[in-house]
């Protein structure tokens, strides 16, 4: 049995899914190339998937593509390219990076642009149930309707107001009944994609896209939902309350979040422009070393990226390969992964076995490192 930290409960708990595990991880907004922060997140959930498969589960892992949102449309307009063309190219590059890093393919990789009918259906349900309201041609989710809004995020109203403003979601919009209400549907600006709906022609908000996709692909309750910790609020909180308002049941049994990767002490992010791209690293280092460098820190602790990690990873790979094939350290790696995904301890166990000349390729494979 795996034990994993649950963000909602604030502690490490037993993760006890059935034979088929449903897992949803928020994917990329494809207007730029994969950076190290992205890669660290998807490597973490790849290890989760690998261990679950090793335990005998079938894993239905859904990782969406957010090809319709404000950032995507701004980027396509600035570059003078159709948003779907931009998304197609960047998604292909992302998939190439994930394959190079030896990440298993998801069970499904749906696009927001392909879920418009599901999004409209979800918004219609929320309006009908009184969890959403319309102002002109904009539809908002009413955050006063769920009794536990904010329970997942675990921060106070003032902090949520501050975070919402930082995400550009306009908590002081006078059309809102409550400052923390968020957009489900909005009119499209000139040149933006738009779709018809009974409440007005327009396009969906960000949060409702993931809700509709997750419900369509995996059903009303999923075993594990993941993504970067920066998505906890407003995104994951909003996704949760929308789904539960529509279905009347618990949306996620277990929330698992990846911490942030820093560069020079600052969070690596597109908005700050302090990015290290996987594609650039692949020109200088082999992908197995990149993956190993991404794996030597605990997933719940923020850490700082340096190229020295890659040099260390290459040296480690050489030692592991010298040791040859075999199943040494495999049980120790399994035990470490079951202990809240303790990949650093797993790596230490492989190091010790390799130092004794014992083959470690099977243990390395379980953490996704191909020797």
Protein backbone atom coordinates (compact mmCIF):
# COMPACT_ATOMS: atom_id res chain seq x y z
CA UNK A 1 0.00 0.00 0.00
CA UNK A 2 1.20 3.50 -0.79
CA UNK A 3 1.01 6.28 1.77
CA UNK A 4 0.85 9.76 0.27
CA UNK A 5 0.44 13.27 1.58
CA UNK A 6 -3.11 14.53 1.06
CA UNK A 7 -3.25 18.30 0.66
CA UNK A 8 -6.87 18.48 1.74
CA UNK A 9 -6.28 16.58 4.98
CA UNK A 10 -2.82 18.02 5.62
CA UNK A 11 -1.18 14.69 6.45
CA UNK A 12 0.27 11.52 5.00
CA UNK A 13 -2.50 8.93 4.70
CA UNK A 14 -3.09 5.52 3.15
CA UNK A 15 -3.82 5.66 -0.55
CA UNK A 16 -6.21 2.76 -1.13
CA UNK A 17 -7.72 2.85 -4.62
CA UNK A 18 -9.45 -0.07 -6.32
CA UNK A 19 -8.01 -2.18 -9.12
CA UNK A 20 -8.45 0.71 -11.57
CA UNK A 21 -6.97 4.02 -10.43
CA UNK A 22 -8.33 7.26 -11.87
CA UNK A 23 -5.80 10.10 -11.83
CA UNK A 24 -6.10 13.62 -13.22
CA UNK A 25 -3.13 16.00 -13.46
CA UNK A 26 -3.41 19.53 -14.79
CA UNK A 27 -1.45 19.76 -18.01
CA UNK A 28 0.24 22.57 -19.89
CA UNK A 29 -1.03 25.75 -21.46
CA UNK A 30 0.81 25.21 -24.75
CA UNK A 31 2.20 28.61 -25.65
CA UNK A 32 5.83 27.90 -24.73
CA UNK A 33 8.32 25.06 -24.45
CA UNK A 34 8.52 22.67 -21.49
CA UNK A 35 10.57 24.10 -18.64
CA UNK A 36 12.19 22.35 -15.69
CA UNK A 37 9.28 23.23 -13.37
CA UNK A 38 6.84 21.49 -15.71
CA UNK A 39 9.14 18.51 -16.07
CA UNK A 40 9.60 18.05 -12.32
CA UNK A 41 5.83 17.93 -11.89
CA UNK A 42 5.19 15.37 -14.60
CA UNK A 43 8.13 13.21 -13.54
CA UNK A 44 6.61 13.06 -10.04
CA UNK A 45 3.24 11.83 -11.30
CA UNK A 46 4.97 9.43 -13.68
CA UNK A 47 6.63 7.80 -10.67
CA UNK A 48 3.22 7.55 -8.97
CA UNK A 49 1.84 5.90 -12.10
CA UNK A 50 4.78 3.48 -12.36
CA UNK A 51 4.48 2.34 -8.76
CA UNK A 52 0.72 1.85 -9.08
CA UNK A 53 1.26 -0.27 -12.18
CA UNK A 54 3.97 -2.18 -10.30
CA UNK A 55 1.40 -2.86 -7.57
CA UNK A 56 -0.93 -4.38 -10.18
CA UNK A 57 -3.32 -1.48 -10.81
CA UNK A 58 -4.65 -0.27 -14.12
CA UNK A 59 -4.06 3.50 -14.18
CA UNK A 60 -6.34 5.83 -16.10
CA UNK A 61 -4.18 8.94 -16.09
CA UNK A 62 -5.68 12.04 -17.71
CA UNK A 63 -3.49 15.07 -18.41
CA UNK A 64 -5.34 17.91 -20.13
CA UNK A 65 -4.15 20.52 -22.61
CA UNK A 66 -5.42 24.05 -21.86
CA UNK A 67 -5.49 25.38 -25.41
CA UNK A 68 -8.21 28.00 -24.76
CA UNK A 69 -7.51 30.55 -22.03
CA UNK A 70 -6.39 34.15 -21.58
CA UNK A 71 -2.63 33.42 -21.68
CA UNK A 72 -2.97 31.19 -24.72
CA UNK A 73 -4.98 33.74 -26.67
CA UNK A 74 -2.69 36.62 -25.74
CA UNK A 75 0.34 34.65 -26.89
CA UNK A 76 -1.24 33.65 -30.20
CA UNK A 77 -2.27 37.25 -30.90
CA UNK A 78 1.21 38.58 -30.13
CA UNK A 79 2.82 36.03 -32.43
CA UNK A 80 0.25 36.43 -35.20
CA UNK A 81 -0.60 32.73 -35.30
CA UNK A 82 -3.90 30.91 -34.86
CA UNK A 83 -4.25 29.68 -31.29
CA UNK A 84 -4.82 26.07 -32.36
CA UNK A 85 -1.73 26.11 -34.58
CA UNK A 86 0.32 27.46 -31.67
CA UNK A 87 -1.14 24.81 -29.37
CA UNK A 88 -0.45 22.00 -31.84
CA UNK A 89 3.21 22.90 -32.23
CA UNK A 90 3.94 23.43 -28.55
CA UNK A 91 2.03 20.32 -27.50
CA UNK A 92 4.09 18.26 -29.95
CA UNK A 93 7.28 19.67 -28.42
CA UNK A 94 6.00 18.96 -24.93
CA UNK A 95 5.16 15.37 -25.86
CA UNK A 96 8.66 14.96 -27.32
CA UNK A 97 10.19 16.22 -24.06
CA UNK A 98 8.03 13.88 -21.98
CA UNK A 99 8.97 10.91 -24.17
CA UNK A 100 12.66 11.82 -23.91
CA UNK A 101 12.33 11.93 -20.11
CA UNK A 102 10.81 8.44 -20.27
CA UNK A 103 7.40 9.50 -18.94
CA UNK A 104 4.65 7.00 -19.67
CA UNK A 105 1.97 8.30 -22.00
CA UNK A 106 -1.27 9.33 -20.26
CA UNK A 107 -4.39 7.27 -20.77
CA UNK A 108 -5.97 10.38 -22.27
CA UNK A 109 -4.68 13.86 -23.18
CA UNK A 110 -7.82 15.88 -24.00
CA UNK A 111 -7.87 19.50 -25.17
CA UNK A 112 -10.14 22.18 -23.75
CA UNK A 113 -11.14 23.15 -27.28
CA UNK A 114 -12.54 19.65 -27.75
CA UNK A 115 -14.72 19.81 -24.64
CA UNK A 116 -16.89 22.86 -25.35
CA UNK A 117 -20.13 20.88 -25.39
CA UNK A 118 -19.22 19.33 -22.01
CA UNK A 119 -18.35 22.77 -20.63
CA UNK A 120 -21.67 24.21 -21.76
CA UNK A 121 -23.50 21.27 -20.20
CA UNK A 122 -21.71 21.76 -16.88
CA UNK A 123 -22.44 25.50 -16.83
CA UNK A 124 -26.09 24.79 -17.62
CA UNK A 125 -26.26 22.38 -14.66
CA UNK A 126 -24.67 24.93 -12.33
CA UNK A 127 -27.10 27.64 -13.43
CA UNK A 128 -30.06 25.32 -13.02
CA UNK A 129 -28.94 24.34 -9.51
CA UNK A 130 -28.42 27.93 -8.43
CA UNK A 131 -24.65 27.60 -8.03
CA UNK A 132 -23.99 30.08 -10.85
CA UNK A 133 -25.52 33.32 -12.08
CA UNK A 134 -25.51 35.38 -15.22
CA UNK A 135 -24.70 39.07 -15.60
CA UNK A 136 -25.28 40.18 -19.18
CA UNK A 137 -23.37 37.54 -21.19
CA UNK A 138 -20.95 36.57 -18.40
CA UNK A 139 -21.64 33.62 -16.11
CA UNK A 140 -20.06 33.49 -12.64
CA UNK A 141 -19.83 30.69 -10.11
CA UNK A 142 -21.35 31.77 -6.80
CA UNK A 143 -18.77 30.89 -4.14
CA UNK A 144 -21.29 31.47 -1.35
CA UNK A 145 -23.23 28.34 -2.37
CA UNK A 146 -20.75 25.67 -1.22
CA UNK A 147 -20.53 25.67 2.57
CA UNK A 148 -16.85 24.67 2.50
CA UNK A 149 -15.40 26.99 -0.14
CA UNK A 150 -11.71 27.44 0.69
CA UNK A 151 -11.42 24.19 2.65
CA UNK A 152 -8.95 22.64 0.21
CA UNK A 153 -6.79 25.76 -0.13
CA UNK A 154 -6.66 26.18 3.64
CA UNK A 155 -6.07 29.95 3.57
CA UNK A 156 -8.25 32.80 4.81
CA UNK A 157 -10.55 35.01 2.77
CA UNK A 158 -8.11 37.93 2.72
CA UNK A 159 -5.33 35.73 1.38
CA UNK A 160 -7.64 34.23 -1.25
CA UNK A 161 -8.61 37.75 -2.32
CA UNK A 162 -4.93 38.64 -2.67
CA UNK A 163 -4.09 35.49 -4.64
CA UNK A 164 -7.08 35.95 -6.93
CA UNK A 165 -5.91 39.46 -7.79
CA UNK A 166 -2.42 38.19 -8.55
CA UNK A 167 -3.90 35.71 -11.02
CA UNK A 168 -5.76 38.55 -12.75
CA UNK A 169 -9.23 37.29 -11.82
CA UNK A 170 -10.54 40.69 -10.72
CA UNK A 171 -11.93 40.15 -7.21
CA UNK A 172 -13.21 43.75 -7.22
CA UNK A 173 -15.35 43.34 -10.34
CA UNK A 174 -18.62 45.10 -9.36
CA UNK A 175 -20.71 42.57 -11.29
CA UNK A 176 -19.80 39.84 -8.80
CA UNK A 177 -22.04 38.94 -5.89
CA UNK A 178 -18.93 37.96 -3.91
CA UNK A 179 -15.32 39.04 -4.57
CA UNK A 180 -14.11 35.44 -4.85
CA UNK A 181 -16.68 34.44 -7.48
CA UNK A 182 -15.04 33.32 -10.72
CA UNK A 183 -15.90 33.31 -14.40
CA UNK A 184 -17.43 30.25 -16.04
CA UNK A 185 -18.21 31.93 -19.39
CA UNK A 186 -17.35 35.31 -20.84
CA UNK A 187 -17.94 37.23 -24.07
CA UNK A 188 -15.06 36.85 -26.51
CA UNK A 189 -13.03 39.88 -27.51
CA UNK A 190 -12.65 40.65 -31.24
CA UNK A 191 -10.47 38.04 -32.92
CA UNK A 192 -10.88 35.49 -30.12
CA UNK A 193 -12.57 32.11 -30.62
CA UNK A 194 -16.18 31.96 -29.51
CA UNK A 195 -19.01 29.47 -29.30
CA UNK A 196 -22.76 29.85 -29.01
CA UNK A 197 -24.57 29.23 -25.72
CA UNK A 198 -28.01 30.01 -24.37
CA UNK A 199 -26.49 32.67 -22.08
CA UNK A 200 -24.60 34.31 -24.93
CA UNK A 201 -21.86 33.75 -27.47
CA UNK A 202 -18.43 33.63 -25.88
CA UNK A 203 -15.76 31.32 -24.48
CA UNK A 204 -15.19 29.37 -21.26
CA UNK A 205 -13.25 30.43 -18.20
CA UNK A 206 -10.17 28.50 -17.15
CA UNK A 207 -11.45 26.53 -14.15
CA UNK A 208 -14.56 25.13 -15.77
CA UNK A 209 -12.49 23.53 -18.53
CA UNK A 210 -10.70 21.15 -16.15
CA UNK A 211 -13.93 20.38 -14.32
CA UNK A 212 -15.77 19.42 -17.50
CA UNK A 213 -12.87 17.37 -18.85
CA UNK A 214 -12.32 15.48 -15.60
CA UNK A 215 -16.01 14.65 -15.26
CA UNK A 216 -16.24 13.51 -18.88
CA UNK A 217 -13.09 11.40 -18.82
CA UNK A 218 -13.13 9.92 -15.31
CA UNK A 219 -16.59 10.37 -13.79
CA UNK A 220 -17.92 12.26 -10.75
CA UNK A 221 -15.29 11.02 -8.25
CA UNK A 222 -11.63 10.40 -9.04
CA UNK A 223 -8.99 8.74 -6.91
CA UNK A 224 -6.14 11.24 -7.22
CA UNK A 225 -5.87 14.79 -8.53
CA UNK A 226 -2.53 16.50 -8.93
CA UNK A 227 -0.59 19.45 -10.25
CA UNK A 228 1.77 22.14 -9.06
CA UNK A 229 1.11 23.63 -5.62
CA UNK A 230 0.67 27.03 -7.27
CA UNK A 231 -2.60 25.69 -8.71
CA UNK A 232 -4.08 24.91 -5.30
CA UNK A 233 -5.88 28.25 -5.26
CA UNK A 234 -7.66 29.47 -7.23
CA UNK A 235 -7.64 26.64 -9.75
CA UNK A 236 -8.03 23.42 -7.80
CA UNK A 237 -10.35 24.94 -5.21
CA UNK A 238 -12.55 26.24 -8.01
CA UNK A 239 -12.47 22.97 -9.95
CA UNK A 240 -13.47 21.09 -6.80
CA UNK A 241 -16.47 23.20 -5.84
CA UNK A 242 -17.82 23.33 -9.40
CA UNK A 243 -17.77 19.56 -9.75
CA UNK A 244 -19.29 18.95 -6.34
CA UNK A 245 -22.00 21.54 -6.94
CA UNK A 246 -22.90 19.80 -10.20
CA UNK A 247 -22.76 16.18 -9.01
CA UNK A 248 -23.58 16.40 -5.30
CA UNK A 249 -20.71 14.07 -4.43
CA UNK A 250 -17.03 14.24 -3.43
CA UNK A 251 -14.95 15.10 -6.49
CA UNK A 252 -11.48 13.91 -5.38
CA UNK A 253 -10.52 11.29 -2.81
CA UNK A 254 -6.86 12.33 -2.62
CA UNK A 255 -5.15 15.62 -3.56
CA UNK A 256 -1.41 15.44 -4.27
CA UNK A 257 0.62 18.56 -5.08
CA UNK A 258 4.14 19.08 -6.41
CA UNK A 259 6.17 21.92 -4.91
CA UNK A 260 7.92 24.64 -6.90
CA UNK A 261 11.30 24.60 -8.60
CA UNK A 262 13.38 27.76 -8.10
CA UNK A 263 16.17 29.38 -10.05
CA UNK A 264 18.45 31.73 -8.13
CA UNK A 265 16.01 31.66 -5.22
CA UNK A 266 12.90 32.62 -7.22
CA UNK A 267 10.07 30.36 -8.37
CA UNK A 268 10.60 29.28 -11.95
CA UNK A 269 7.70 30.67 -13.98
CA UNK A 270 6.81 32.04 -17.39
CA UNK A 271 5.65 35.34 -15.92
CA UNK A 272 9.06 35.93 -14.30
CA UNK A 273 10.96 34.77 -17.38
CA UNK A 274 13.45 32.75 -15.32
CA UNK A 275 13.05 29.47 -17.15
CA UNK A 276 15.33 26.58 -17.98
CA UNK A 277 13.90 24.66 -20.92
CA UNK A 278 14.11 20.88 -21.20
CA UNK A 279 14.71 21.11 -24.95
CA UNK A 280 17.82 23.24 -24.35
CA UNK A 281 19.11 20.86 -21.68
CA UNK A 282 18.66 17.92 -24.06
CA UNK A 283 21.22 19.49 -26.40
CA UNK A 284 23.89 19.20 -23.68
CA UNK A 285 22.86 16.29 -21.47
CA UNK A 286 21.26 12.92 -22.03
CA UNK A 287 17.59 12.74 -21.02
CA UNK A 288 18.18 10.06 -18.37
CA UNK A 289 20.50 12.45 -16.54
CA UNK A 290 17.93 15.26 -16.76
CA UNK A 291 15.27 12.98 -15.31
CA UNK A 292 17.57 11.86 -12.51
CA UNK A 293 18.47 15.47 -11.70
CA UNK A 294 14.75 16.25 -11.42
CA UNK A 295 14.26 13.36 -9.01
CA UNK A 296 16.76 13.90 -6.21
CA UNK A 297 14.58 16.23 -4.12
CA UNK A 298 11.36 15.40 -2.28
CA UNK A 299 8.34 16.37 -4.30
CA UNK A 300 6.75 18.41 -1.49
CA UNK A 301 9.75 20.66 -0.83
CA UNK A 302 10.75 23.62 -3.02
CA UNK A 303 14.27 23.34 -4.37
CA UNK A 304 16.75 25.29 -6.46
CA UNK A 305 17.86 24.22 -9.93
CA UNK A 306 21.54 24.31 -10.92
CA UNK A 307 23.43 22.62 -13.75
CA UNK A 308 25.61 20.99 -11.09
CA UNK A 309 22.69 18.62 -10.51
CA UNK A 310 23.14 17.34 -14.05
CA UNK A 311 26.85 16.71 -13.63
CA UNK A 312 26.11 14.74 -10.47
CA UNK A 313 23.35 12.83 -12.27
CA UNK A 314 25.66 11.84 -15.13
CA UNK A 315 28.22 10.52 -12.67
CA UNK A 316 25.51 8.54 -10.88
CA UNK A 317 24.27 7.05 -14.14
CA UNK A 318 27.78 5.87 -14.95
CA UNK A 319 28.01 4.06 -11.59
CA UNK A 320 24.60 2.47 -12.00
CA UNK A 321 25.32 1.29 -15.52
CA UNK A 322 28.67 -0.15 -14.47
CA UNK A 323 26.85 -2.30 -11.92
CA UNK A 324 24.89 -4.01 -14.72
CA UNK A 325 21.47 -5.65 -14.86
CA UNK A 326 19.61 -7.10 -11.90
CA UNK A 327 16.93 -6.53 -9.28
CA UNK A 328 19.14 -5.32 -6.44
CA UNK A 329 17.52 -2.57 -4.31
CA UNK A 330 14.13 -3.17 -5.93
CA UNK A 331 12.36 -3.92 -2.64
CA UNK A 332 14.04 -0.93 -0.97
CA UNK A 333 12.89 1.34 -3.82
CA UNK A 334 9.34 0.04 -3.52
CA UNK A 335 9.34 0.71 0.22
CA UNK A 336 10.68 4.24 -0.31
CA UNK A 337 8.06 5.07 -2.94
CA UNK A 338 5.31 3.75 -0.69
CA UNK A 339 6.56 6.14 2.01
CA UNK A 340 5.10 9.33 0.52
CA UNK A 341 7.00 8.96 -2.75
CA UNK A 342 10.45 9.22 -1.17
CA UNK A 343 12.46 9.13 -4.41
CA UNK A 344 15.69 10.49 -2.81
CA UNK A 345 15.77 7.53 -0.42
CA UNK A 346 15.12 5.22 -3.36
CA UNK A 347 18.10 6.75 -5.18
CA UNK A 348 20.28 6.25 -2.09
CA UNK A 349 19.30 2.57 -2.01
CA UNK A 350 20.25 2.16 -5.67
CA UNK A 351 23.56 3.94 -4.99
CA UNK A 352 24.42 1.50 -2.21
CA UNK A 353 23.58 -1.55 -4.30
CA UNK A 354 25.53 -0.27 -7.31
CA UNK A 355 28.54 0.45 -5.09
CA UNK A 356 28.50 -3.23 -4.14
CA UNK A 357 28.51 -4.23 -7.81
CA UNK A 358 24.91 -5.42 -7.78
CA UNK A 359 22.74 -4.87 -10.86
CA UNK A 360 20.17 -2.10 -10.40
CA UNK A 361 18.44 -1.63 -13.75
CA UNK A 362 15.05 -2.85 -12.47
CA UNK A 363 15.13 -0.54 -9.46
CA UNK A 364 16.17 2.39 -11.64
CA UNK A 365 13.36 1.61 -14.08
CA UNK A 366 10.78 1.85 -11.28
CA UNK A 367 11.72 5.53 -10.80
CA UNK A 368 11.69 5.98 -14.58
CA UNK A 369 15.44 6.00 -15.22
CA UNK A 370 16.36 3.81 -18.16
CA UNK A 371 19.91 2.44 -17.91
